[in-house]
N, C-alpha and C. Protein backbone atom coordinates (compact mmCIF):
# COMPACT_ATOMS: atom_id res chain seq x y z
N MET A 1 27.60 152.31 51.89
CA MET A 1 28.18 152.63 50.63
C MET A 1 27.07 152.67 49.59
N ARG A 2 27.17 153.71 48.88
CA ARG A 2 26.13 153.94 47.89
C ARG A 2 26.68 153.62 46.51
N PHE A 3 25.83 152.94 45.72
CA PHE A 3 26.24 152.64 44.33
C PHE A 3 25.59 153.64 43.40
N SER A 4 26.36 154.01 42.46
CA SER A 4 25.83 154.93 41.45
C SER A 4 25.11 154.12 40.36
N LYS A 5 24.46 154.84 39.48
CA LYS A 5 23.76 154.18 38.38
C LYS A 5 24.73 153.41 37.50
N VAL A 6 25.90 153.90 37.33
CA VAL A 6 26.91 153.22 36.51
C VAL A 6 27.32 151.92 37.20
N ASP A 7 27.48 151.94 38.52
CA ASP A 7 27.85 150.72 39.24
C ASP A 7 26.74 149.66 39.10
N TYR A 8 25.48 150.10 39.25
CA TYR A 8 24.36 149.15 39.08
C TYR A 8 24.34 148.58 37.66
N PHE A 9 24.59 149.41 36.70
CA PHE A 9 24.60 148.96 35.31
C PHE A 9 25.71 147.92 35.09
N ILE A 10 26.89 148.16 35.65
CA ILE A 10 28.01 147.22 35.51
C ILE A 10 27.68 145.92 36.22
N ILE A 11 27.13 145.99 37.44
CA ILE A 11 26.77 144.77 38.19
C ILE A 11 25.70 144.00 37.42
N PHE A 12 24.69 144.70 36.91
CA PHE A 12 23.62 144.05 36.16
C PHE A 12 24.17 143.39 34.89
N THR A 13 25.03 144.08 34.16
CA THR A 13 25.61 143.54 32.93
C THR A 13 26.47 142.32 33.23
N LEU A 14 27.30 142.40 34.27
CA LEU A 14 28.13 141.25 34.65
C LEU A 14 27.27 140.07 35.10
N SER A 15 26.18 140.35 35.81
CA SER A 15 25.28 139.28 36.25
C SER A 15 24.64 138.59 35.05
N VAL A 16 24.17 139.37 34.08
CA VAL A 16 23.54 138.80 32.88
C VAL A 16 24.57 137.97 32.11
N VAL A 17 25.78 138.49 31.96
CA VAL A 17 26.83 137.75 31.25
C VAL A 17 27.17 136.46 32.00
N LEU A 18 27.27 136.53 33.32
CA LEU A 18 27.59 135.36 34.13
C LEU A 18 26.47 134.32 34.03
N ILE A 19 25.21 134.74 34.14
CA ILE A 19 24.08 133.80 34.03
C ILE A 19 24.06 133.18 32.63
N PHE A 20 24.29 133.99 31.60
CA PHE A 20 24.33 133.48 30.24
C PHE A 20 25.45 132.44 30.07
N ALA A 21 26.63 132.72 30.60
CA ALA A 21 27.77 131.81 30.48
C ALA A 21 27.48 130.49 31.18
N ILE A 22 26.90 130.57 32.39
CA ILE A 22 26.60 129.34 33.14
C ILE A 22 25.54 128.52 32.40
N SER A 23 24.45 129.16 31.97
CA SER A 23 23.39 128.41 31.28
C SER A 23 23.88 127.87 29.93
N PHE A 24 24.72 128.60 29.23
CA PHE A 24 25.29 128.14 27.97
C PHE A 24 26.15 126.90 28.20
N ASN A 25 26.96 126.93 29.24
CA ASN A 25 27.83 125.81 29.60
C ASN A 25 27.00 124.57 29.93
N VAL A 26 25.95 124.73 30.73
CA VAL A 26 25.08 123.60 31.10
C VAL A 26 24.39 123.04 29.85
N ALA A 27 23.90 123.90 28.98
CA ALA A 27 23.21 123.46 27.77
C ALA A 27 24.16 122.67 26.86
N ILE A 28 25.38 123.13 26.69
CA ILE A 28 26.36 122.43 25.84
C ILE A 28 26.64 121.04 26.41
N LYS A 29 26.79 120.93 27.73
CA LYS A 29 27.06 119.62 28.34
C LYS A 29 25.89 118.68 28.13
N LEU A 30 24.66 119.15 28.27
CA LEU A 30 23.49 118.30 28.05
C LEU A 30 23.39 117.86 26.58
N ILE A 31 23.65 118.77 25.67
CA ILE A 31 23.60 118.42 24.25
C ILE A 31 24.66 117.39 23.91
N ASN A 32 25.87 117.54 24.42
CA ASN A 32 26.94 116.57 24.16
C ASN A 32 26.59 115.20 24.73
N ARG A 33 26.01 115.18 25.93
CA ARG A 33 25.64 113.92 26.56
C ARG A 33 24.59 113.20 25.70
N ASN A 34 23.59 113.92 25.21
CA ASN A 34 22.56 113.32 24.35
C ASN A 34 23.14 112.87 23.00
N ALA A 35 24.09 113.63 22.48
CA ALA A 35 24.71 113.26 21.20
C ALA A 35 25.50 111.97 21.35
N ILE A 36 26.19 111.80 22.47
CA ILE A 36 26.95 110.57 22.70
C ILE A 36 26.01 109.38 22.79
N LYS A 37 24.88 109.53 23.51
CA LYS A 37 23.90 108.45 23.61
C LYS A 37 23.32 108.13 22.25
N SER A 38 23.05 109.15 21.47
CA SER A 38 22.49 108.96 20.13
C SER A 38 23.48 108.21 19.25
N ASN A 39 24.77 108.56 19.32
CA ASN A 39 25.79 107.86 18.53
C ASN A 39 25.91 106.41 18.96
N GLU A 40 25.79 106.14 20.26
CA GLU A 40 25.84 104.76 20.74
C GLU A 40 24.66 103.98 20.19
N ASN A 41 23.48 104.58 20.17
CA ASN A 41 22.30 103.91 19.62
C ASN A 41 22.47 103.63 18.13
N VAL A 42 23.03 104.57 17.40
CA VAL A 42 23.26 104.38 15.97
C VAL A 42 24.25 103.25 15.75
N ASP A 43 25.31 103.20 16.57
CA ASP A 43 26.30 102.12 16.44
C ASP A 43 25.65 100.77 16.69
N VAL A 44 24.82 100.68 17.74
CA VAL A 44 24.15 99.42 18.05
C VAL A 44 23.23 99.03 16.91
N LEU A 45 22.46 99.98 16.39
CA LEU A 45 21.56 99.67 15.28
C LEU A 45 22.32 99.24 14.04
N SER A 46 23.41 99.90 13.74
CA SER A 46 24.15 99.55 12.53
C SER A 46 24.82 98.19 12.67
N LYS A 47 25.16 97.80 13.88
CA LYS A 47 25.78 96.49 14.07
C LYS A 47 24.74 95.38 14.00
N THR A 48 23.53 95.63 14.49
CA THR A 48 22.53 94.58 14.52
C THR A 48 21.71 94.48 13.25
N ARG A 49 21.57 95.56 12.52
CA ARG A 49 20.73 95.54 11.34
C ARG A 49 21.51 96.07 10.14
N THR A 50 21.83 95.16 9.24
CA THR A 50 22.46 95.60 8.01
C THR A 50 21.39 95.52 6.92
N VAL A 51 21.31 96.53 6.15
CA VAL A 51 20.31 96.58 5.10
C VAL A 51 20.81 95.73 3.93
N GLU A 52 20.02 94.74 3.57
CA GLU A 52 20.40 93.87 2.47
C GLU A 52 19.73 94.33 1.19
N ARG A 53 20.46 94.22 0.11
CA ARG A 53 19.93 94.59 -1.19
C ARG A 53 19.07 93.45 -1.71
N ILE A 54 17.88 93.79 -2.15
CA ILE A 54 16.98 92.80 -2.74
C ILE A 54 17.42 92.59 -4.19
N LEU A 55 17.48 91.32 -4.60
CA LEU A 55 17.93 91.00 -5.95
C LEU A 55 16.91 91.46 -6.97
N SER A 56 17.38 91.90 -8.12
CA SER A 56 16.47 92.40 -9.16
C SER A 56 15.77 91.23 -9.85
N GLU A 57 14.66 91.54 -10.50
CA GLU A 57 13.84 90.51 -11.15
C GLU A 57 14.58 89.77 -12.27
N ASN A 58 15.56 90.41 -12.88
CA ASN A 58 16.28 89.75 -13.98
C ASN A 58 17.56 89.06 -13.50
N SER A 59 17.68 88.86 -12.20
CA SER A 59 18.84 88.12 -11.66
C SER A 59 18.74 86.65 -12.02
N LYS A 60 19.88 86.03 -12.26
CA LYS A 60 19.95 84.60 -12.56
C LYS A 60 20.90 83.94 -11.58
N ILE A 61 20.55 82.76 -11.16
CA ILE A 61 21.43 81.96 -10.32
C ILE A 61 21.99 80.86 -11.22
N ILE A 62 23.30 80.74 -11.26
CA ILE A 62 23.95 79.73 -12.09
C ILE A 62 24.57 78.70 -11.16
N LEU A 63 24.14 77.45 -11.33
CA LEU A 63 24.65 76.35 -10.53
C LEU A 63 25.53 75.48 -11.41
N LYS A 64 26.80 75.37 -11.03
CA LYS A 64 27.73 74.54 -11.79
C LYS A 64 28.13 73.35 -10.94
N LEU A 65 28.09 72.18 -11.55
CA LEU A 65 28.59 70.97 -10.89
C LEU A 65 29.91 70.61 -11.52
N ARG A 66 30.88 70.29 -10.67
CA ARG A 66 32.21 69.89 -11.15
C ARG A 66 32.51 68.48 -10.67
N ASN A 67 33.16 67.73 -11.55
CA ASN A 67 33.62 66.40 -11.22
C ASN A 67 35.09 66.36 -11.60
N ASN A 68 35.97 66.22 -10.60
CA ASN A 68 37.42 66.26 -10.82
C ASN A 68 37.84 67.54 -11.55
N ASN A 69 37.35 68.68 -11.07
CA ASN A 69 37.64 70.02 -11.60
C ASN A 69 37.19 70.22 -13.05
N THR A 70 36.32 69.37 -13.54
CA THR A 70 35.75 69.52 -14.87
C THR A 70 34.27 69.80 -14.73
N GLU A 71 33.80 70.84 -15.40
CA GLU A 71 32.38 71.17 -15.32
C GLU A 71 31.57 70.09 -16.01
N VAL A 72 30.63 69.49 -15.28
CA VAL A 72 29.80 68.43 -15.85
C VAL A 72 28.36 68.88 -16.06
N SER A 73 27.98 69.96 -15.42
CA SER A 73 26.60 70.42 -15.55
C SER A 73 26.52 71.89 -15.19
N LYS A 74 25.62 72.58 -15.89
CA LYS A 74 25.38 74.00 -15.60
C LYS A 74 23.88 74.22 -15.68
N LEU A 75 23.32 74.77 -14.62
CA LEU A 75 21.88 74.99 -14.55
C LEU A 75 21.62 76.45 -14.20
N GLU A 76 20.76 77.11 -14.97
CA GLU A 76 20.38 78.49 -14.67
C GLU A 76 19.01 78.49 -14.01
N VAL A 77 18.90 79.22 -12.91
CA VAL A 77 17.64 79.33 -12.18
C VAL A 77 17.26 80.80 -12.15
N SER A 78 16.03 81.09 -12.58
CA SER A 78 15.57 82.49 -12.57
C SER A 78 15.08 82.85 -11.17
N LEU A 79 14.97 84.14 -10.93
CA LEU A 79 14.48 84.61 -9.64
C LEU A 79 13.03 84.17 -9.44
N GLN A 80 12.25 84.12 -10.52
CA GLN A 80 10.85 83.68 -10.43
C GLN A 80 10.79 82.24 -9.92
N GLU A 81 11.64 81.37 -10.44
CA GLU A 81 11.67 79.97 -9.98
C GLU A 81 12.06 79.89 -8.52
N LEU A 82 12.99 80.73 -8.12
CA LEU A 82 13.48 80.72 -6.75
C LEU A 82 12.42 81.17 -5.76
N LYS A 83 11.49 82.00 -6.21
CA LYS A 83 10.42 82.47 -5.32
C LYS A 83 9.52 81.33 -4.85
N ASN A 84 9.54 80.20 -5.55
CA ASN A 84 8.77 79.03 -5.12
C ASN A 84 9.39 78.37 -3.88
N PHE A 85 10.66 78.66 -3.62
CA PHE A 85 11.37 78.00 -2.53
C PHE A 85 11.79 78.93 -1.41
N ILE A 86 11.90 80.23 -1.70
CA ILE A 86 12.34 81.21 -0.70
C ILE A 86 11.21 82.21 -0.47
N ALA A 87 10.81 82.36 0.78
CA ALA A 87 9.71 83.27 1.12
C ALA A 87 10.22 84.70 1.27
N GLY A 88 9.35 85.65 0.98
CA GLY A 88 9.67 87.06 1.19
C GLY A 88 10.58 87.61 0.11
N ASP A 89 11.18 88.75 0.42
CA ASP A 89 12.11 89.38 -0.51
C ASP A 89 13.35 88.51 -0.66
N ILE A 90 13.82 88.35 -1.87
CA ILE A 90 14.98 87.48 -2.11
C ILE A 90 16.24 88.33 -2.11
N THR A 91 17.10 88.03 -1.15
CA THR A 91 18.38 88.72 -1.01
C THR A 91 19.51 87.73 -1.27
N LEU A 92 20.70 88.25 -1.45
CA LEU A 92 21.85 87.39 -1.71
C LEU A 92 22.09 86.44 -0.54
N ASN A 93 21.95 86.91 0.68
CA ASN A 93 22.16 86.04 1.84
C ASN A 93 21.16 84.90 1.89
N LYS A 94 19.90 85.17 1.54
CA LYS A 94 18.89 84.11 1.52
C LYS A 94 19.23 83.06 0.47
N VAL A 95 19.70 83.52 -0.69
CA VAL A 95 20.06 82.59 -1.77
C VAL A 95 21.27 81.75 -1.35
N LYS A 96 22.26 82.40 -0.74
CA LYS A 96 23.44 81.66 -0.25
C LYS A 96 23.03 80.60 0.76
N GLU A 97 22.17 80.98 1.69
CA GLU A 97 21.72 80.04 2.73
C GLU A 97 20.96 78.87 2.10
N TYR A 98 20.10 79.16 1.13
CA TYR A 98 19.30 78.12 0.49
C TYR A 98 20.19 77.10 -0.23
N TYR A 99 21.15 77.57 -1.02
CA TYR A 99 21.98 76.64 -1.79
C TYR A 99 23.10 76.01 -0.96
N SER A 100 23.44 76.60 0.16
CA SER A 100 24.45 75.97 1.01
C SER A 100 23.91 74.67 1.61
N LYS A 101 22.59 74.55 1.71
CA LYS A 101 21.99 73.30 2.21
C LYS A 101 22.29 72.13 1.28
N ASP A 102 22.49 72.42 -0.01
CA ASP A 102 22.84 71.38 -0.98
C ASP A 102 24.34 71.37 -1.28
N ASN A 103 25.12 71.97 -0.38
CA ASN A 103 26.59 71.99 -0.47
C ASN A 103 27.13 72.78 -1.66
N PHE A 104 26.38 73.75 -2.14
CA PHE A 104 26.90 74.65 -3.17
C PHE A 104 27.70 75.75 -2.51
N GLU A 105 28.81 76.12 -3.13
CA GLU A 105 29.66 77.20 -2.63
C GLU A 105 29.42 78.45 -3.46
N PHE A 106 29.23 79.57 -2.77
CA PHE A 106 29.08 80.85 -3.47
C PHE A 106 30.43 81.24 -4.05
N VAL A 107 30.45 81.63 -5.34
CA VAL A 107 31.70 82.03 -5.98
C VAL A 107 31.73 83.53 -6.20
N GLU A 108 30.71 84.06 -6.88
CA GLU A 108 30.71 85.50 -7.15
C GLU A 108 29.32 85.96 -7.59
N GLU A 109 29.17 87.28 -7.53
CA GLU A 109 27.97 87.93 -8.06
C GLU A 109 28.44 89.07 -8.95
N LYS A 110 28.02 89.03 -10.20
CA LYS A 110 28.34 90.16 -11.08
C LYS A 110 27.31 90.24 -12.19
N GLN A 111 26.92 91.45 -12.50
CA GLN A 111 25.97 91.73 -13.57
C GLN A 111 24.72 90.86 -13.48
N ASN A 112 24.08 90.85 -12.32
CA ASN A 112 22.84 90.11 -12.09
C ASN A 112 22.98 88.60 -12.25
N GLU A 113 24.19 88.08 -12.19
CA GLU A 113 24.41 86.64 -12.21
C GLU A 113 25.11 86.24 -10.93
N ILE A 114 24.54 85.24 -10.27
CA ILE A 114 25.10 84.75 -9.02
C ILE A 114 25.57 83.33 -9.28
N LEU A 115 26.85 83.09 -9.07
CA LEU A 115 27.45 81.80 -9.42
C LEU A 115 27.72 80.97 -8.17
N PHE A 116 27.24 79.71 -8.22
CA PHE A 116 27.50 78.73 -7.17
C PHE A 116 28.15 77.52 -7.83
N VAL A 117 29.06 76.88 -7.10
CA VAL A 117 29.75 75.69 -7.62
C VAL A 117 29.69 74.60 -6.56
N LYS A 118 29.55 73.36 -7.05
CA LYS A 118 29.55 72.20 -6.15
C LYS A 118 30.40 71.11 -6.79
N ASP A 119 31.31 70.57 -6.00
CA ASP A 119 32.10 69.43 -6.45
C ASP A 119 31.35 68.16 -6.10
N THR A 120 31.17 67.29 -7.07
CA THR A 120 30.43 66.06 -6.85
C THR A 120 31.09 64.92 -7.63
N PRO A 121 31.06 63.73 -7.07
CA PRO A 121 31.62 62.59 -7.81
C PRO A 121 30.65 62.04 -8.85
N TYR A 122 29.42 62.58 -8.89
CA TYR A 122 28.38 62.05 -9.77
C TYR A 122 28.03 63.04 -10.88
N VAL A 123 27.54 62.49 -12.00
CA VAL A 123 27.16 63.30 -13.15
C VAL A 123 25.63 63.31 -13.24
N PRO A 124 25.02 64.49 -13.30
CA PRO A 124 23.56 64.57 -13.38
C PRO A 124 23.00 63.81 -14.58
N GLY A 125 21.89 63.11 -14.33
CA GLY A 125 21.24 62.34 -15.38
C GLY A 125 21.76 60.93 -15.54
N ARG A 126 22.84 60.61 -14.90
CA ARG A 126 23.41 59.26 -15.00
C ARG A 126 22.86 58.38 -13.87
N TYR A 127 23.04 57.07 -14.06
CA TYR A 127 22.56 56.09 -13.09
C TYR A 127 23.75 55.39 -12.45
N TYR A 128 23.58 55.04 -11.18
CA TYR A 128 24.66 54.40 -10.42
C TYR A 128 24.09 53.22 -9.65
N ILE A 129 24.91 52.19 -9.53
CA ILE A 129 24.54 51.06 -8.67
C ILE A 129 25.31 51.24 -7.38
N GLY A 130 24.57 51.17 -6.28
CA GLY A 130 25.19 51.38 -4.99
C GLY A 130 24.39 50.75 -3.87
N VAL A 131 24.62 51.23 -2.67
CA VAL A 131 24.05 50.63 -1.47
C VAL A 131 23.11 51.62 -0.79
N THR A 132 21.94 51.13 -0.38
CA THR A 132 21.00 51.97 0.37
C THR A 132 21.47 52.09 1.81
N ASP A 133 20.79 52.92 2.58
CA ASP A 133 21.17 53.08 3.98
C ASP A 133 20.92 51.81 4.80
N LYS A 134 20.13 50.87 4.25
CA LYS A 134 19.89 49.60 4.95
C LYS A 134 20.71 48.46 4.33
N ASP A 135 21.75 48.81 3.58
CA ASP A 135 22.69 47.87 2.97
C ASP A 135 22.10 46.97 1.89
N PHE A 136 21.06 47.43 1.21
CA PHE A 136 20.54 46.71 0.05
C PHE A 136 21.11 47.35 -1.21
N ILE A 137 21.26 46.53 -2.26
CA ILE A 137 21.81 47.01 -3.53
C ILE A 137 20.66 47.64 -4.33
N ALA A 138 20.94 48.81 -4.96
CA ALA A 138 19.89 49.51 -5.69
C ALA A 138 20.48 50.35 -6.82
N VAL A 139 19.58 50.80 -7.71
CA VAL A 139 19.95 51.72 -8.79
C VAL A 139 19.56 53.13 -8.34
N PHE A 140 20.51 54.04 -8.44
CA PHE A 140 20.29 55.44 -8.04
C PHE A 140 20.42 56.32 -9.28
N LYS A 141 19.71 57.43 -9.26
CA LYS A 141 19.85 58.43 -10.32
C LYS A 141 20.42 59.70 -9.71
N CYS A 142 21.25 60.40 -10.47
CA CYS A 142 21.83 61.66 -10.01
C CYS A 142 20.96 62.82 -10.51
N ASP A 143 20.51 63.68 -9.59
CA ASP A 143 19.69 64.83 -9.98
C ASP A 143 20.56 66.01 -10.41
N TYR A 144 19.92 67.13 -10.73
CA TYR A 144 20.66 68.30 -11.23
C TYR A 144 21.54 68.95 -10.17
N TYR A 145 21.34 68.58 -8.91
CA TYR A 145 22.16 69.14 -7.83
C TYR A 145 23.31 68.22 -7.45
N GLY A 146 23.45 67.09 -8.15
CA GLY A 146 24.54 66.16 -7.86
C GLY A 146 24.22 65.21 -6.73
N ASN A 147 22.93 65.09 -6.37
CA ASN A 147 22.52 64.19 -5.29
C ASN A 147 21.93 62.91 -5.89
N LEU A 148 22.18 61.79 -5.23
CA LEU A 148 21.65 60.52 -5.69
C LEU A 148 20.30 60.25 -5.03
N TYR A 149 19.39 59.68 -5.81
CA TYR A 149 18.09 59.30 -5.26
C TYR A 149 17.59 58.07 -6.01
N ILE A 150 16.61 57.40 -5.43
CA ILE A 150 16.03 56.21 -6.04
C ILE A 150 14.71 56.62 -6.69
N GLU A 151 14.59 56.41 -8.00
CA GLU A 151 13.38 56.83 -8.72
C GLU A 151 12.16 56.02 -8.30
N LYS A 152 12.23 54.71 -8.43
CA LYS A 152 11.10 53.84 -8.09
C LYS A 152 11.60 52.75 -7.14
N PRO A 153 11.41 52.95 -5.85
CA PRO A 153 11.94 51.99 -4.87
C PRO A 153 11.49 50.55 -5.11
N GLU A 154 10.24 50.36 -5.56
CA GLU A 154 9.75 48.98 -5.76
C GLU A 154 10.49 48.26 -6.89
N GLU A 155 11.02 49.00 -7.87
CA GLU A 155 11.75 48.39 -8.98
C GLU A 155 13.27 48.45 -8.80
N ASP A 156 13.74 49.52 -8.18
CA ASP A 156 15.18 49.81 -8.19
C ASP A 156 15.95 49.24 -7.01
N ILE A 157 15.27 48.77 -5.99
CA ILE A 157 15.96 48.20 -4.82
C ILE A 157 15.82 46.68 -4.87
N THR A 158 16.95 45.99 -4.75
CA THR A 158 16.91 44.52 -4.74
C THR A 158 16.78 44.03 -3.31
N ASP A 159 16.56 42.73 -3.20
CA ASP A 159 16.51 42.13 -1.86
C ASP A 159 17.86 41.55 -1.46
N ARG A 160 18.88 41.78 -2.28
CA ARG A 160 20.23 41.31 -1.96
C ARG A 160 20.92 42.27 -1.02
N ASN A 161 21.49 41.73 0.02
CA ASN A 161 22.20 42.52 1.02
C ASN A 161 23.67 42.65 0.61
N LEU A 162 24.29 43.71 1.03
CA LEU A 162 25.69 43.98 0.69
C LEU A 162 26.62 42.87 1.17
N GLU A 163 26.32 42.28 2.29
CA GLU A 163 27.19 41.25 2.88
C GLU A 163 27.30 40.00 2.02
N THR A 164 26.37 39.81 1.08
CA THR A 164 26.40 38.60 0.24
C THR A 164 27.38 38.73 -0.94
N PHE A 165 28.03 39.87 -1.07
CA PHE A 165 28.97 40.11 -2.16
C PHE A 165 30.41 39.97 -1.68
N PRO A 166 31.34 39.65 -2.59
CA PRO A 166 32.75 39.61 -2.21
C PRO A 166 33.20 41.00 -1.74
N GLU A 167 34.25 41.03 -0.94
CA GLU A 167 34.70 42.29 -0.34
C GLU A 167 35.09 43.33 -1.39
N SER A 168 35.71 42.92 -2.48
CA SER A 168 36.09 43.89 -3.52
C SER A 168 34.85 44.53 -4.14
N ALA A 169 33.81 43.75 -4.37
CA ALA A 169 32.56 44.28 -4.93
C ALA A 169 31.86 45.17 -3.91
N GLN A 170 31.95 44.82 -2.63
CA GLN A 170 31.32 45.64 -1.58
C GLN A 170 31.88 47.05 -1.59
N LYS A 171 33.20 47.15 -1.73
CA LYS A 171 33.84 48.47 -1.72
C LYS A 171 33.37 49.29 -2.92
N SER A 172 33.33 48.68 -4.10
CA SER A 172 32.88 49.39 -5.31
C SER A 172 31.42 49.81 -5.19
N LEU A 173 30.60 48.96 -4.60
CA LEU A 173 29.18 49.30 -4.43
C LEU A 173 29.00 50.45 -3.43
N LYS A 174 29.76 50.43 -2.35
CA LYS A 174 29.66 51.50 -1.35
C LYS A 174 30.09 52.84 -1.93
N GLU A 175 31.03 52.81 -2.86
CA GLU A 175 31.55 54.04 -3.46
C GLU A 175 30.83 54.43 -4.75
N PHE A 176 29.77 53.69 -5.10
CA PHE A 176 28.96 53.97 -6.30
C PHE A 176 29.83 54.06 -7.55
N LYS A 177 30.71 53.07 -7.72
CA LYS A 177 31.65 53.07 -8.84
C LYS A 177 31.00 52.65 -10.17
N TYR A 178 29.87 51.96 -10.10
CA TYR A 178 29.21 51.49 -11.32
C TYR A 178 28.32 52.61 -11.86
N GLU A 179 28.70 53.16 -13.02
CA GLU A 179 28.00 54.31 -13.61
C GLU A 179 27.48 53.95 -15.00
N TYR A 180 26.22 54.39 -15.29
CA TYR A 180 25.59 54.04 -16.56
C TYR A 180 24.88 55.24 -17.17
N GLU A 181 24.80 55.25 -18.51
CA GLU A 181 24.14 56.33 -19.24
C GLU A 181 22.63 56.30 -19.06
N ASN A 182 22.05 55.08 -19.04
CA ASN A 182 20.59 55.00 -18.91
C ASN A 182 20.19 53.94 -17.90
N LYS A 183 18.94 53.98 -17.53
CA LYS A 183 18.45 53.10 -16.47
C LYS A 183 18.43 51.63 -16.90
N GLU A 184 18.14 51.37 -18.17
CA GLU A 184 18.08 49.99 -18.64
C GLU A 184 19.44 49.29 -18.47
N GLU A 185 20.51 49.99 -18.85
CA GLU A 185 21.85 49.43 -18.66
C GLU A 185 22.11 49.15 -17.19
N ALA A 186 21.73 50.09 -16.34
CA ALA A 186 21.97 49.93 -14.90
C ALA A 186 21.17 48.75 -14.35
N LEU A 187 19.90 48.63 -14.76
CA LEU A 187 19.08 47.51 -14.27
C LEU A 187 19.61 46.17 -14.78
N ASP A 188 20.05 46.12 -16.05
CA ASP A 188 20.63 44.88 -16.58
C ASP A 188 21.87 44.47 -15.78
N GLU A 189 22.74 45.45 -15.51
CA GLU A 189 23.95 45.16 -14.73
C GLU A 189 23.59 44.76 -13.30
N LEU A 190 22.59 45.41 -12.74
CA LEU A 190 22.14 45.07 -11.38
C LEU A 190 21.67 43.62 -11.33
N MET A 191 20.91 43.19 -12.32
CA MET A 191 20.43 41.81 -12.36
C MET A 191 21.61 40.84 -12.52
N ALA A 192 22.58 41.23 -13.34
CA ALA A 192 23.76 40.38 -13.53
C ALA A 192 24.57 40.28 -12.24
N ILE A 193 24.71 41.39 -11.53
CA ILE A 193 25.47 41.39 -10.27
C ILE A 193 24.77 40.54 -9.23
N CYS A 194 23.46 40.64 -9.18
CA CYS A 194 22.70 39.96 -8.13
C CYS A 194 22.46 38.48 -8.42
N SER A 195 22.72 38.02 -9.64
CA SER A 195 22.46 36.61 -9.93
C SER A 195 23.67 35.76 -9.66
């Protein structure tokens, strides 16, 4: 059987169209497969790495201390001051992590002000008579974060043990119920208690 030029032309055209269709189909499948892998990689990256916003230089951190739902102290900390304690770029998450160590709760961030609140039974700047971890009676001072500390251990810690006090006084001392405006008042009361 002999093919005419028209038959060869039709066979050639159909072959080219068939080869084009097959190669087009294979190319589309490969592109889709790579696109799916690329989307999976993007999903993994977006889940593992979230871009955090760096706080601006004029950001302020406001620390409020509350005692029985009443604000007793408010302290503003600039971003420059915070750079002394937090390494690298300062982000909101780093600030939250830093202040959560002192039991501050993040409340809100708005207009370059970040607000943290801490409930404390103590008032900053005041003095308290209480018990050390070794059960000795001492004068403590409350810092700006609502934490108690001993200013001068050699002066502020007595040699009287908690067990030498009546039970009612022991409870008050353990709960730091004795509160004073200044250290002299606290030391006078401490001497009176211990005598």
